[in-house]
C-alpha atoms as a PDB file:
ATOM      1  CA  MET A   1     117.053  97.316 112.771  1.00  0.00           C
ATOM      2  CA  THR A   2     120.694  96.177 112.859  1.00  0.00           C
ATOM      3  CA  ILE A   3     123.622  98.579 113.160  1.00  0.00           C
ATOM      4  CA  ARG A   4     124.662  97.743 109.598  1.00  0.00           C
ATOM      5  CA  SER A   5     121.214  98.415 108.138  1.00  0.00           C
ATOM      6  CA  ARG A   6     120.906 101.659 110.119  1.00  0.00           C
ATOM      7  CA  THR A   7     124.264 102.822 108.750  1.00  0.00           C
ATOM      8  CA  LEU A   8     123.197 101.909 105.207  1.00  0.00           C
ATOM      9  CA  GLU A   9     119.925 103.789 105.607  1.00  0.00           C
ATOM     10  CA  THR A  10     121.802 106.827 106.946  1.00  0.00           C
ATOM     11  CA  TYR A  11     124.159 106.672 103.975  1.00  0.00           C
ATOM     12  CA  GLU A  12     121.291 106.460 101.477  1.00  0.00           C
ATOM     13  CA  VAL A  13     119.390 109.375 103.044  1.00  0.00           C
ATOM     14  CA  LEU A  14     122.466 111.612 103.129  1.00  0.00           C
ATOM     15  CA  ARG A  15     123.485 110.603  99.595  1.00  0.00           C
ATOM     16  CA  HIS A  16     120.021 111.488  98.310  1.00  0.00           C
ATOM     17  CA  ASP A  17     120.116 114.865 100.056  1.00  0.00           C
ATOM     18  CA  LEU A  18     123.634 115.635  98.802  1.00  0.00           C
ATOM     19  CA  LEU A  19     122.766 114.748  95.209  1.00  0.00           C
ATOM     20  CA  ASN A  20     119.657 116.910  95.356  1.00  0.00           C
ATOM     21  CA  GLY A  21     121.396 119.972  96.759  1.00  0.00           C
ATOM     22  CA  ARG A  22     119.809 119.858 100.217  1.00  0.00           C
ATOM     23  CA  PHE A  23     123.165 120.877 101.705  1.00  0.00           C
ATOM     24  CA  ILE A  24     125.065 123.977 100.597  1.00  0.00           C
ATOM     25  CA  PRO A  25     128.274 123.014  98.740  1.00  0.00           C
ATOM     26  CA  GLY A  26     131.287 123.588 100.978  1.00  0.00           C
ATOM     27  CA  SER A  27     129.209 123.723 104.178  1.00  0.00           C
ATOM     28  CA  LYS A  28     130.197 121.825 107.309  1.00  0.00           C
ATOM     29  CA  LEU A  29     128.331 118.611 108.098  1.00  0.00           C
ATOM     30  CA  LYS A  30     127.922 118.573 111.876  1.00  0.00           C
ATOM     31  CA  ILE A  31     127.653 115.050 113.214  1.00  0.00           C
ATOM     32  CA  ASP A  32     125.555 115.974 116.255  1.00  0.00           C
ATOM     33  CA  THR A  33     123.077 117.891 114.090  1.00  0.00           C
ATOM     34  CA  LEU A  34     122.756 115.000 111.641  1.00  0.00           C
ATOM     35  CA  CYS A  35     122.260 112.585 114.541  1.00  0.00           C
ATOM     36  CA  ARG A  36     119.313 114.621 115.808  1.00  0.00           C
ATOM     37  CA  GLN A  37     117.783 115.064 112.372  1.00  0.00           C
ATOM     38  CA  LEU A  38     118.089 111.404 111.381  1.00  0.00           C
ATOM     39  CA  GLY A  39     117.600 109.844 114.803  1.00  0.00           C
ATOM     40  CA  VAL A  40     120.737 107.709 114.564  1.00  0.00           C
ATOM     41  CA  SER A  41     123.968 107.270 116.505  1.00  0.00           C
ATOM     42  CA  PRO A  42     127.192 109.227 115.882  1.00  0.00           C
ATOM     43  CA  GLY A  43     128.810 105.990 114.725  1.00  0.00           C
ATOM     44  CA  ALA A  44     126.216 105.491 111.987  1.00  0.00           C
ATOM     45  CA  VAL A  45     126.678 109.077 110.784  1.00  0.00           C
ATOM     46  CA  ARG A  46     130.487 108.842 110.786  1.00  0.00           C
ATOM     47  CA  GLU A  47     130.453 105.584 108.817  1.00  0.00           C
ATOM     48  CA  ALA A  48     127.977 107.027 106.325  1.00  0.00           C
ATOM     49  CA  LEU A  49     130.076 110.181 105.891  1.00  0.00           C
ATOM     50  CA  ALA A  50     133.229 108.108 105.416  1.00  0.00           C
ATOM     51  CA  ARG A  51     131.521 106.190 102.612  1.00  0.00           C
ATOM     52  CA  LEU A  52     130.256 109.430 101.066  1.00  0.00           C
ATOM     53  CA  THR A  53     133.831 110.708 101.155  1.00  0.00           C
ATOM     54  CA  SER A  54     134.822 107.723  99.016  1.00  0.00           C
ATOM     55  CA  ASP A  55     131.960 108.629  96.666  1.00  0.00           C
ATOM     56  CA  GLY A  56     133.376 112.134  96.299  1.00  0.00           C
ATOM     57  CA  LEU A  57     130.258 113.805  97.694  1.00  0.00           C
ATOM     58  CA  VAL A  58     131.846 114.715 101.034  1.00  0.00           C
ATOM     59  CA  VAL A  59     135.320 116.005 101.917  1.00  0.00           C
ATOM     60  CA  ALA A  60     137.044 114.994 105.167  1.00  0.00           C
ATOM     61  CA  GLU A  61     139.737 117.298 106.518  1.00  0.00           C
ATOM     62  CA  ALA A  62     141.912 116.811 109.585  1.00  0.00           C
ATOM     63  CA  GLN A  63     140.850 119.035 112.489  1.00  0.00           C
ATOM     64  CA  ARG A  64     137.953 120.404 110.406  1.00  0.00           C
ATOM     65  CA  GLY A  65     135.642 117.424 110.117  1.00  0.00           C
ATOM     66  CA  PHE A  66     133.342 116.711 107.183  1.00  0.00           C
ATOM     67  CA  HIS A  67     132.201 119.201 104.550  1.00  0.00           C
ATOM     68  CA  VAL A  68     129.988 119.009 101.480  1.00  0.00           C
ATOM     69  CA  THR A  69     132.175 118.780  98.380  1.00  0.00           C
ATOM     70  CA  PRO A  70     132.374 122.296  96.865  1.00  0.00           C
ATOM     71  CA  ILE A  71     131.220 123.089  93.330  1.00  0.00           C
ATOM     72  CA  SER A  72     132.837 125.427  90.829  1.00  0.00           C
ATOM     73  CA  ILE A  73     132.914 126.233  87.149  1.00  0.00           C
ATOM     74  CA  GLU A  74     136.448 124.906  86.783  1.00  0.00           C
ATOM     75  CA  ASP A  75     135.544 121.676  88.534  1.00  0.00           C
ATOM     76  CA  LEU A  76     132.589 121.103  86.219  1.00  0.00           C
ATOM     77  CA  LYS A  77     134.731 121.763  83.145  1.00  0.00           C
ATOM     78  CA  ASP A  78     137.393 119.322  84.324  1.00  0.00           C
ATOM     79  CA  LEU A  79     134.793 116.776  85.384  1.00  0.00           C
ATOM     80  CA  THR A  80     133.104 116.960  81.984  1.00  0.00           C
ATOM     81  CA  GLU A  81     136.317 116.259  80.067  1.00  0.00           C
ATOM     82  CA  VAL A  82     137.229 113.303  82.269  1.00  0.00           C
ATOM     83  CA  ARG A  83     133.694 111.950  82.184  1.00  0.00           C
ATOM     84  CA  ILE A  84     133.503 112.079  78.390  1.00  0.00           C
ATOM     85  CA  GLU A  85     136.784 110.212  78.019  1.00  0.00           C
ATOM     86  CA  ILE A  86     135.651 107.476  80.393  1.00  0.00           C
ATOM     87  CA  GLU A  87     132.079 107.241  79.041  1.00  0.00           C
ATOM     88  CA  LEU A  88     133.273 106.846  75.452  1.00  0.00           C
ATOM     89  CA  ARG A  89     135.826 104.224  76.390  1.00  0.00           C
ATOM     90  CA  CYS A  90     133.144 102.233  78.228  1.00  0.00           C
ATOM     91  CA  LEU A  91     130.657 102.669  75.378  1.00  0.00           C
ATOM     92  CA  ARG A  92     133.119 101.381  72.780  1.00  0.00           C
ATOM     93  CA  ARG A  93     133.780  98.251  74.806  1.00  0.00           C
ATOM     94  CA  SER A  94     130.093  97.805  75.557  1.00  0.00           C
ATOM     95  CA  ILE A  95     129.150  97.940  71.863  1.00  0.00           C
ATOM     96  CA  ALA A  96     131.906  95.452  71.048  1.00  0.00           C
ATOM     97  CA  LYS A  97     130.856  93.006  73.774  1.00  0.00           C
ATOM     98  CA  GLY A  98     127.095  93.583  74.023  1.00  0.00           C
ATOM     99  CA  SER A  99     124.737  90.633  73.521  1.00  0.00           C
ATOM    100  CA  LEU A 100     121.183  90.455  72.201  1.00  0.00           C
ATOM    101  CA  ALA A 101     119.996  90.596  75.813  1.00  0.00           C
ATOM    102  CA  TRP A 102     121.954  93.836  76.225  1.00  0.00           C
ATOM    103  CA  GLU A 103     120.234  95.273  73.157  1.00  0.00           C
ATOM    104  CA  GLY A 104     116.857  94.259  74.567  1.00  0.00           C
ATOM    105  CA  HIS A 105     117.661  95.953  77.874  1.00  0.00           C
ATOM    106  CA  ILE A 106     118.497  99.224  76.107  1.00  0.00           C
ATOM    107  CA  LYS A 107     115.253  99.062  74.125  1.00  0.00           C
ATOM    108  CA  ASP A 108     113.234  98.404  77.285  1.00  0.00           C
ATOM    109  CA  ILE A 109     114.786 101.255  79.284  1.00  0.00           C
ATOM    110  CA  SER A 110     114.522 103.619  76.304  1.00  0.00           C
ATOM    111  CA  HIS A 111     110.827 102.813  75.955  1.00  0.00           C
ATOM    112  CA  GLN A 112     110.161 103.423  79.653  1.00  0.00           C
ATOM    113  CA  LEU A 113     112.111 106.689  79.645  1.00  0.00           C
ATOM    114  CA  HIS A 114     110.301 107.924  76.541  1.00  0.00           C
ATOM    115  CA  HIS A 115     106.906 107.312  78.144  1.00  0.00           C
ATOM    116  CA  THR A 116     107.752 108.856  81.531  1.00  0.00           C
ATOM    117  CA  SER A 117     107.008 112.534  82.061  1.00  0.00           C
ATOM    118  CA  MET A 118     109.964 114.655  83.029  1.00  0.00           C
ATOM    119  CA  SER A 119     107.772 117.057  85.018  1.00  0.00           C
ATOM    120  CA  ASP A 120     107.180 116.244  88.676  1.00  0.00           C
ATOM    121  CA  PRO A 121     103.584 114.966  89.098  1.00  0.00           C
ATOM    122  CA  ASN A 122     103.426 116.876  92.391  1.00  0.00           C
ATOM    123  CA  GLY A 123     103.644 120.130  90.468  1.00  0.00           C
ATOM    124  CA  SER A 124     106.956 121.393  91.842  1.00  0.00           C
ATOM    125  CA  ASP A 125     109.738 122.882  89.715  1.00  0.00           C
ATOM    126  CA  THR A 126     111.847 119.749  90.162  1.00  0.00           C
ATOM    127  CA  VAL A 127     112.244 116.839  87.780  1.00  0.00           C
ATOM    128  CA  ASN A 128     110.024 113.775  88.209  1.00  0.00           C
ATOM    129  CA  PRO A 129     111.976 111.309  90.433  1.00  0.00           C
ATOM    130  CA  ALA A 130     110.812 108.415  88.235  1.00  0.00           C
ATOM    131  CA  TRP A 131     112.261 110.147  85.167  1.00  0.00           C
ATOM    132  CA  THR A 132     115.519 110.827  87.009  1.00  0.00           C
ATOM    133  CA  GLU A 133     115.828 107.160  87.967  1.00  0.00           C
ATOM    134  CA  LEU A 134     115.147 105.978  84.413  1.00  0.00           C
ATOM    135  CA  HIS A 135     117.552 108.569  83.028  1.00  0.00           C
ATOM    136  CA  ALA A 136     120.344 107.099  85.137  1.00  0.00           C
ATOM    137  CA  ALA A 137     119.263 103.571  84.155  1.00  0.00           C
ATOM    138  CA  PHE A 138     119.392 104.499  80.458  1.00  0.00           C
ATOM    139  CA  HIS A 139     122.970 105.746  80.667  1.00  0.00           C
ATOM    140  CA  ASP A 140     123.913 102.678  82.721  1.00  0.00           C
ATOM    141  CA  ALA A 141     122.341 100.375  80.122  1.00  0.00           C
ATOM    142  CA  LEU A 142     124.465 101.815  77.330  1.00  0.00           C
ATOM    143  CA  VAL A 143     127.739 100.796  78.964  1.00  0.00           C
ATOM    144  CA  VAL A 144     126.797  97.803  81.110  1.00  0.00           C
ATOM    145  CA  ALA A 145     128.307  95.346  78.603  1.00  0.00           C
ATOM    146  CA  CYS A 146     131.753  96.913  79.044  1.00  0.00           C
ATOM    147  CA  ASP A 147     134.052  94.121  80.230  1.00  0.00           C
ATOM    148  CA  SER A 148     136.084  96.215  82.683  1.00  0.00           C
ATOM    149  CA  ARG A 149     134.668  96.647  86.172  1.00  0.00           C
ATOM    150  CA  TRP A 150     137.246  99.334  86.960  1.00  0.00           C
ATOM    151  CA  TRP A 151     136.287 101.481  83.989  1.00  0.00           C
ATOM    152  CA  LEU A 152     132.644 101.037  84.955  1.00  0.00           C
ATOM    153  CA  LYS A 153     133.423 101.987  88.546  1.00  0.00           C
ATOM    154  CA  LEU A 154     135.166 105.165  87.404  1.00  0.00           C
ATOM    155  CA  ARG A 155     132.336 105.897  84.999  1.00  0.00           C
ATOM    156  CA  ASP A 156     129.741 105.503  87.765  1.00  0.00           C
ATOM    157  CA  SER A 157     131.636 107.926  89.992  1.00  0.00           C
ATOM    158  CA  MET A 158     131.820 110.530  87.222  1.00  0.00           C
ATOM    159  CA  PHE A 159     128.133 110.128  86.388  1.00  0.00           C
ATOM    160  CA  TRP A 160     126.996 110.910  89.923  1.00  0.00           C
ATOM    161  CA  GLN A 161     129.357 113.857  90.273  1.00  0.00           C
ATOM    162  CA  VAL A 162     127.809 115.481  87.194  1.00  0.00           C
ATOM    163  CA  GLU A 163     124.349 114.412  88.360  1.00  0.00           C
ATOM    164  CA  ARG A 164     124.854 116.456  91.530  1.00  0.00           C
ATOM    165  CA  TYR A 165     125.492 119.556  89.432  1.00  0.00           C
ATOM    166  CA  ARG A 166     122.542 118.770  87.165  1.00  0.00           C
ATOM    167  CA  ARG A 167     120.040 118.314  89.979  1.00  0.00           C
ATOM    168  CA  MET A 168     121.128 121.458  91.820  1.00  0.00           C
ATOM    169  CA  ALA A 169     120.796 123.445  88.604  1.00  0.00           C
ATOM    170  CA  VAL A 170     117.284 122.304  87.619  1.00  0.00           C
ATOM    171  CA  PRO A 171     115.449 125.318  89.170  1.00  0.00           C
ATOM    172  CA  PHE A 172     117.665 127.668  87.138  1.00  0.00           C
ATOM    173  CA  MET A 173     117.148 126.018  83.745  1.00  0.00           C
ATOM    174  CA  LYS A 174     115.641 128.292  81.107  1.00  0.00           C
ATOM    175  CA  GLU A 175     116.675 126.895  77.739  1.00  0.00           C
ATOM    176  CA  PRO A 176     114.412 124.295  76.095  1.00  0.00           C
ATOM    177  CA  ARG A 177     116.052 121.014  75.216  1.00  0.00           C
ATOM    178  CA  HIS A 178     114.819 118.008  73.283  1.00  0.00           C
ATOM    179  CA  VAL A 179     116.629 115.510  75.478  1.00  0.00           C
ATOM    180  CA  ASP A 180     114.206 112.726  74.532  1.00  0.00           C
ATOM    181  CA  ILE A 181     115.332 112.999  70.917  1.00  0.00           C
ATOM    182  CA  GLU A 182     118.983 113.006  71.978  1.00  0.00           C
ATOM    183  CA  HIS A 183     118.490 109.801  73.968  1.00  0.00           C
ATOM    184  CA  ALA A 184     116.650 108.137  71.080  1.00  0.00           C
ATOM    185  CA  GLU A 185     119.414 109.038  68.622  1.00  0.00           C
ATOM    186  CA  ILE A 186     122.108 107.709  70.945  1.00  0.00           C
ATOM    187  CA  ALA A 187     120.222 104.435  71.441  1.00  0.00           C
ATOM    188  CA  GLU A 188     119.639 104.126  67.687  1.00  0.00           C
ATOM    189  CA  ALA A 189     123.360 104.393  66.916  1.00  0.00           C
ATOM    190  CA  VAL A 190     124.307 102.012  69.738  1.00  0.00           C
ATOM    191  CA  LEU A 191     121.801  99.361  68.631  1.00  0.00           C
ATOM    192  CA  ALA A 192     123.051  99.696  65.045  1.00  0.00           C
ATOM    193  CA  ARG A 193     126.554  98.979  66.429  1.00  0.00           C
ATOM    194  CA  ASP A 194     127.780 102.159  64.764  1.00  0.00           C
ATOM    195  CA  THR A 195     130.483 102.860  67.306  1.00  0.00           C
ATOM    196  CA  GLU A 196     131.757 106.153  65.915  1.00  0.00           C
ATOM    197  CA  LEU A 197     128.287 107.641  65.474  1.00  0.00           C
ATOM    198  CA  ALA A 198     127.207 106.439  68.920  1.00  0.00           C
ATOM    199  CA  CYS A 199     130.283 107.966  70.549  1.00  0.00           C
ATOM    200  CA  SER A 200     129.823 111.215  68.635  1.00  0.00           C
ATOM    201  CA  ARG A 201     126.196 111.503  69.719  1.00  0.00           C
ATOM    202  CA  LEU A 202     126.938 110.623  73.338  1.00  0.00           C
ATOM    203  CA  GLU A 203     129.770 113.147  73.509  1.00  0.00           C
ATOM    204  CA  ALA A 204     127.552 115.871  72.040  1.00  0.00           C
ATOM    205  CA  HIS A 205     124.843 114.975  74.571  1.00  0.00           C
ATOM    206  CA  LEU A 206     127.239 115.193  77.522  1.00  0.00           C
ATOM    207  CA  ARG A 207     128.822 118.432  76.316  1.00  0.00           C
ATOM    208  CA  LYS A 208     125.423 120.023  75.852  1.00  0.00           C
ATOM    209  CA  THR A 209     124.565 119.186  79.462  1.00  0.00           C
ATOM    210  CA  SER A 210     127.781 120.820  80.651  1.00  0.00           C
ATOM    211  CA  ASP A 211     127.350 123.847  78.388  1.00  0.00           C
ATOM    212  CA  LEU A 212     123.809 124.430  79.672  1.00  0.00           C
ATOM    213  CA  LEU A 213     124.978 124.276  83.279  1.00  0.00           C
ATOM    214  CA  LEU A 214     127.862 126.646  82.617  1.00  0.00           C
ATOM    215  CA  ARG A 215     125.531 129.240  81.095  1.00  0.00           C
ATOM    216  CA  LEU A 216     123.304 129.417  84.174  1.00  0.00           C
ATOM    217  CA  ASP A 217     123.130 132.409  86.543  1.00  0.00           C
ATOM    218  CA  GLY A 218     123.361 129.966  89.471  1.00  0.00           C
ATOM    219  CA  PRO A 219     124.090 127.969  91.528  1.00  0.00           C
ATOM    220  CA  PHE A 220     127.829 128.687  91.226  1.00  0.00           C
ATOM    221  CA  GLU A 221     129.071 131.383  93.584  1.00  0.00           C
ATOM    222  CA  ASP A 222     131.996 132.125  91.278  1.00  0.00           C
ATOM    223  CA  LEU A 223     129.610 132.344  88.312  1.00  0.00           C
ATOM    224  CA  VAL A 224     127.531 134.889  90.224  1.00  0.00           C
ATOM    225  CA  SER A 225     130.691 136.898  90.838  1.00  0.00           C
ATOM    226  CA  LYS A 226     131.759 136.557  87.221  1.00  0.00           C
ATOM    227  CA  THR A 227     128.460 137.719  85.725  1.00  0.00           C
ATOM    228  CA  GLY A 228     127.436 140.167  88.431  1.00  0.00           C
ATOM    229  CA  SER A 229     124.053 138.465  88.787  1.00  0.00           C
ATOM    230  CA  ASN A 230     122.360 138.004  92.131  1.00  0.00           C
ATOM    231  CA  ASP A 231     122.018 134.367  93.213  1.00  0.00           C
ATOM    232  CA  ARG A 232     119.319 135.154  95.759  1.00  0.00           C
ATOM    233  CA  ARG A 233     117.265 136.918  93.087  1.00  0.00           C
ATOM    234  CA  SER A 234     117.726 133.942  90.775  1.00  0.00           C
ATOM    235  CA  ARG A 235     116.452 131.552  93.404  1.00  0.00           C
ATOM    236  CA  SER A 236     113.374 133.666  94.076  1.00  0.00           C
ATOM    237  CA  GLN A 237     112.524 133.607  90.374  1.00  0.00           C
ATOM    238  CA  ALA A 238     113.213 129.900  89.972  1.00  0.00           C
ATOM    239  CA  GLY A 239     109.749 128.868  91.074  1.00  0.00           C
ATOM    240  CA  SER A 240     108.201 130.253  87.902  1.00  0.00           C
ATOM    241  CA  ARG A 241     110.447 128.264  85.594  1.00  0.00           C
ATOM    242  CA  THR A 242     109.607 124.961  84.004  1.00  0.00           C
ATOM    243  CA  PRO A 243     112.325 122.367  84.697  1.00  0.00           C
ATOM    244  CA  THR A 244     114.431 121.583  81.662  1.00  0.00           C
ATOM    245  CA  PRO A 245     116.021 118.136  81.360  1.00  0.00           C
ATOM    246  CA  THR A 246     119.783 118.120  81.114  1.00  0.00           C
END
Protein backbone atom coordinates (compact mmCIF):
# COMPACT_ATOMS: atom_id res chain seq x y z
CA MET A 1 0.00 0.00 0.00
CA THR A 2 1.37 3.43 -0.94
CA ILE A 3 1.82 6.26 1.56
CA ARG A 4 -0.98 8.20 -0.13
CA SER A 5 -3.44 5.30 0.01
CA ARG A 6 -2.54 4.59 3.64
CA THR A 7 -3.19 8.23 4.53
CA LEU A 8 -6.53 8.14 2.69
CA GLU A 9 -7.54 4.95 4.49
CA THR A 10 -6.57 6.50 7.84
CA TYR A 11 -8.64 9.57 7.00
CA GLU A 12 -11.68 7.49 6.04
CA VAL A 13 -11.51 5.34 9.20
CA LEU A 14 -11.17 8.36 11.49
CA ARG A 15 -13.91 10.26 9.63
CA HIS A 16 -16.27 7.31 10.03
CA ASP A 17 -15.50 7.05 13.74
CA LEU A 18 -15.91 10.81 14.29
CA LEU A 19 -19.24 10.92 12.47
CA ASN A 20 -20.51 7.97 14.48
CA GLY A 21 -19.54 9.37 17.86
CA ARG A 22 -16.74 6.90 18.59
CA PHE A 23 -14.71 9.76 20.08
CA ILE A 24 -16.02 12.00 22.86
CA PRO A 25 -16.62 15.55 21.56
CA GLY A 26 -13.87 17.86 22.81
CA SER A 27 -11.51 15.00 23.70
CA LYS A 28 -7.85 15.03 22.71
CA LEU A 29 -6.79 12.90 19.75
CA LYS A 30 -3.39 11.47 20.68
CA ILE A 31 -1.31 10.72 17.62
CA ASP A 32 0.70 7.91 19.22
CA THR A 33 -2.48 6.19 20.42
CA LEU A 34 -4.09 6.44 16.98
CA CYS A 35 -0.91 5.08 15.38
CA ARG A 36 -1.07 1.98 17.57
CA GLN A 37 -4.78 1.46 17.05
CA LEU A 38 -4.67 1.89 13.27
CA GLY A 39 -1.22 0.43 12.64
CA VAL A 40 -0.03 3.43 10.63
CA SER A 41 2.76 6.00 10.83
CA PRO A 42 2.55 9.34 12.67
CA GLY A 43 2.76 11.09 9.31
CA ALA A 44 -0.35 9.32 8.02
CA VAL A 45 -2.27 10.23 11.19
CA ARG A 46 -1.17 13.88 11.10
CA GLU A 47 -2.16 14.26 7.44
CA ALA A 48 -5.52 12.62 8.10
CA LEU A 49 -6.17 14.87 11.11
CA ALA A 50 -5.21 17.95 9.10
CA ARG A 51 -7.78 17.00 6.46
CA LEU A 52 -10.39 16.33 9.13
CA THR A 53 -9.67 19.79 10.52
CA SER A 54 -10.61 21.21 7.12
CA ASP A 55 -13.80 19.14 7.28
CA GLY A 56 -14.66 20.73 10.62
CA LEU A 57 -14.65 17.41 12.48
CA VAL A 58 -11.36 18.06 14.28
CA VAL A 59 -9.93 21.21 15.89
CA ALA A 60 -6.19 21.94 15.82
CA GLU A 61 -4.80 24.25 18.49
CA ALA A 62 -1.24 25.48 18.90
CA GLN A 63 0.58 23.75 21.76
CA ARG A 64 -2.50 21.59 22.43
CA GLY A 65 -2.62 19.33 19.40
CA PHE A 66 -5.78 17.89 17.86
CA HIS A 67 -9.17 17.61 19.54
CA VAL A 68 -12.57 16.31 18.47
CA THR A 69 -14.79 19.25 17.53
CA PRO A 70 -17.05 19.98 20.54
CA ILE A 71 -20.85 19.86 20.34
CA SER A 72 -23.33 22.19 22.01
CA ILE A 73 -26.93 23.29 21.83
CA GLU A 74 -25.96 26.74 20.58
CA ASP A 75 -23.74 25.28 17.89
CA LEU A 76 -26.55 23.04 16.63
CA LYS A 77 -28.98 25.97 16.54
CA ASP A 78 -26.53 28.11 14.59
CA LEU A 79 -25.59 25.23 12.32
CA THR A 80 -29.25 24.54 11.55
CA GLU A 81 -29.97 28.13 10.49
CA VAL A 82 -26.91 28.30 8.24
CA ARG A 83 -27.61 24.87 6.79
CA ILE A 84 -31.21 25.73 5.92
CA GLU A 85 -30.17 28.91 4.14
CA ILE A 86 -27.57 27.08 2.08
CA GLU A 87 -29.73 24.00 1.37
CA LEU A 88 -32.63 26.11 0.10
CA ARG A 89 -30.38 28.22 -2.10
CA CYS A 90 -28.89 25.06 -3.64
CA LEU A 91 -32.33 23.46 -4.05
CA ARG A 92 -33.73 26.49 -5.88
CA ARG A 93 -30.86 26.46 -8.35
CA SER A 94 -31.05 22.69 -8.72
CA ILE A 95 -34.76 22.80 -9.58
CA ALA A 96 -34.12 25.58 -12.09
CA LYS A 97 -31.25 23.74 -13.78
CA GLY A 98 -32.19 20.07 -13.30
CA SER A 99 -32.53 17.84 -16.36
CA LEU A 100 -34.68 14.77 -17.01
CA ALA A 101 -31.69 12.65 -15.98
CA TRP A 102 -31.62 14.54 -12.67
CA GLU A 103 -35.30 13.78 -12.15
CA GLY A 104 -34.65 10.11 -12.88
CA HIS A 105 -31.81 10.04 -10.36
CA ILE A 106 -34.07 11.45 -7.63
CA LYS A 107 -36.75 8.86 -8.42
CA ASP A 108 -34.20 6.04 -8.31
CA ILE A 109 -32.66 7.09 -4.98
CA SER A 110 -36.11 7.73 -3.49
CA HIS A 111 -37.23 4.25 -4.49
CA GLN A 112 -34.15 2.62 -2.97
CA LEU A 113 -34.47 4.62 0.26
CA HIS A 114 -38.16 3.77 0.58
CA HIS A 115 -37.44 0.04 0.28
CA THR A 116 -34.47 -0.01 2.68
CA SER A 117 -35.14 -0.73 6.34
CA MET A 118 -33.99 1.92 8.74
CA SER A 119 -33.37 -0.64 11.50
CA ASP A 120 -29.93 -2.23 11.64
CA PRO A 121 -30.19 -5.85 10.39
CA ASN A 122 -27.67 -6.83 13.08
CA GLY A 123 -30.24 -5.98 15.73
CA SER A 124 -28.40 -3.12 17.42
CA ASP A 125 -29.99 0.19 18.41
CA THR A 126 -28.19 1.98 15.58
CA VAL A 127 -29.53 2.90 12.17
CA ASN A 128 -28.95 0.54 9.24
CA PRO A 129 -25.71 1.72 7.51
CA ALA A 130 -27.31 1.09 4.11
CA TRP A 131 -30.21 3.38 5.03
CA THR A 132 -27.79 6.04 6.29
CA GLU A 133 -25.87 5.94 3.01
CA LEU A 134 -29.04 6.21 0.92
CA HIS A 135 -30.34 9.00 3.15
CA ALA A 136 -27.25 11.05 2.38
CA ALA A 137 -27.53 10.15 -1.32
CA PHE A 138 -31.16 11.32 -1.38
CA HIS A 139 -30.32 14.75 0.01
CA ASP A 140 -27.36 14.98 -2.38
CA ALA A 141 -29.60 14.09 -5.34
CA LEU A 142 -31.98 16.95 -4.59
CA VAL A 143 -29.31 19.61 -5.03
CA VAL A 144 -26.80 18.01 -7.40
CA ALA A 145 -28.08 20.06 -10.36
CA CYS A 146 -27.14 23.31 -8.61
CA ASP A 147 -24.68 25.09 -10.91
CA SER A 148 -22.40 26.45 -8.18
CA ARG A 149 -19.67 24.16 -6.91
CA TRP A 150 -18.94 26.52 -4.02
CA TRP A 151 -22.51 26.49 -2.75
CA LEU A 152 -22.49 22.71 -3.06
CA LYS A 153 -19.20 22.51 -1.19
CA LEU A 154 -20.60 24.61 1.65
CA ARG A 155 -23.79 22.58 1.63
CA ASP A 156 -21.84 19.31 1.87
CA SER A 157 -19.89 20.62 4.86
CA MET A 158 -23.08 21.64 6.66
CA PHE A 159 -24.75 18.31 5.92
CA TRP A 160 -21.99 16.28 7.55
CA GLN A 161 -21.79 18.57 10.57
CA VAL A 162 -25.48 17.98 11.28
CA GLU A 163 -25.07 14.29 10.42
CA ARG A 164 -22.53 13.99 13.24
CA TYR A 165 -25.10 15.29 15.71
CA ARG A 166 -27.80 13.04 14.25
CA ARG A 167 -25.76 9.85 14.45
CA MET A 168 -24.57 10.51 18.00
CA ALA A 169 -28.16 11.14 19.07
CA VAL A 170 -29.73 7.99 17.59
CA PRO A 171 -29.58 5.92 20.83
CA PHE A 172 -31.47 8.69 22.65
CA MET A 173 -34.32 9.05 20.16
CA LYS A 174 -37.77 8.41 21.61
CA GLU A 175 -40.24 10.27 19.43
CA PRO A 176 -41.71 8.44 16.41
CA ARG A 177 -41.22 10.14 13.07
CA HIS A 178 -42.57 9.37 9.63
CA VAL A 179 -39.39 10.42 7.85
CA ASP A 180 -40.21 8.25 4.83
CA ILE A 181 -43.32 10.32 4.20
CA GLU A 182 -41.34 13.54 4.61
CA HIS A 183 -38.80 12.41 2.02
CA ALA A 184 -41.55 11.37 -0.40
CA GLU A 185 -43.30 14.73 -0.07
CA ILE A 186 -40.07 16.64 -0.65
CA ALA A 187 -39.28 14.57 -3.75
CA GLU A 188 -42.83 15.02 -5.05
CA ALA A 189 -42.60 18.82 -4.85
CA VAL A 190 -39.11 18.87 -6.38
CA LEU A 191 -40.13 16.67 -9.32
CA ALA A 192 -43.20 18.86 -9.88
CA ARG A 193 -40.78 21.82 -10.09
CA ASP A 194 -42.81 23.57 -7.40
CA THR A 195 -39.90 25.50 -5.97
CA GLU A 196 -41.70 27.23 -3.11
CA LEU A 197 -43.44 24.07 -1.91
CA ALA A 198 -40.23 22.04 -2.22
CA CYS A 199 -38.28 24.61 -0.21
CA SER A 200 -41.02 24.81 2.41
CA ARG A 201 -41.08 21.04 2.84
CA LEU A 202 -37.30 20.74 2.96
CA GLU A 203 -37.02 23.51 5.54
CA ALA A 204 -39.69 21.87 7.71
CA HIS A 205 -37.86 18.54 7.40
CA LEU A 206 -34.53 20.05 8.47
CA ARG A 207 -36.05 22.02 11.34
CA LYS A 208 -37.82 18.94 12.63
CA THR A 209 -34.49 17.10 12.73
CA SER A 210 -32.94 19.93 14.73
CA ASP A 211 -35.94 20.24 17.05
CA LEU A 212 -35.87 16.51 17.81
CA LEU A 213 -32.17 16.64 18.64
CA LEU A 214 -32.61 19.68 20.87
CA ARG A 215 -35.33 17.95 22.89
CA LEU A 216 -33.13 14.98 23.78
CA ASP A 217 -31.76 14.28 27.27
CA GLY A 218 -28.35 13.61 25.68
CA PRO A 219 -25.73 13.68 24.32
CA PHE A 220 -25.17 17.38 25.07
CA GLU A 221 -23.35 18.03 28.33
CA ASP A 222 -24.88 21.50 28.55
CA LEU A 223 -28.34 20.02 27.91
CA VAL A 224 -27.80 17.60 30.78
CA SER A 225 -26.89 20.54 33.00
CA LYS A 226 -29.86 22.54 31.77
CA THR A 227 -32.45 19.82 32.38
CA GLY A 228 -30.85 18.19 35.41
CA SER A 229 -31.00 14.77 33.73
CA ASN A 230 -28.25 12.22 34.09
CA ASP A 231 -26.39 11.46 30.85
CA ARG A 232 -24.97 8.20 32.18
CA ARG A 233 -28.47 7.02 33.11
CA SER A 234 -29.71 7.98 29.65
CA ARG A 235 -27.00 5.96 27.98
CA SER A 236 -27.77 2.89 30.08
CA GLN A 237 -31.41 3.08 29.03
CA ALA A 238 -30.63 3.72 25.38
CA GLY A 239 -30.29 0.05 24.54
CA SER A 240 -34.01 -0.53 25.00
CA ARG A 241 -35.02 2.19 22.56
CA THR A 242 -35.86 1.69 18.93
CA PRO A 243 -33.81 4.02 16.71
CA THR A 244 -35.84 6.84 15.24
CA PRO A 245 -34.79 8.33 11.89
CA THR A 246 -33.99 12.01 11.95
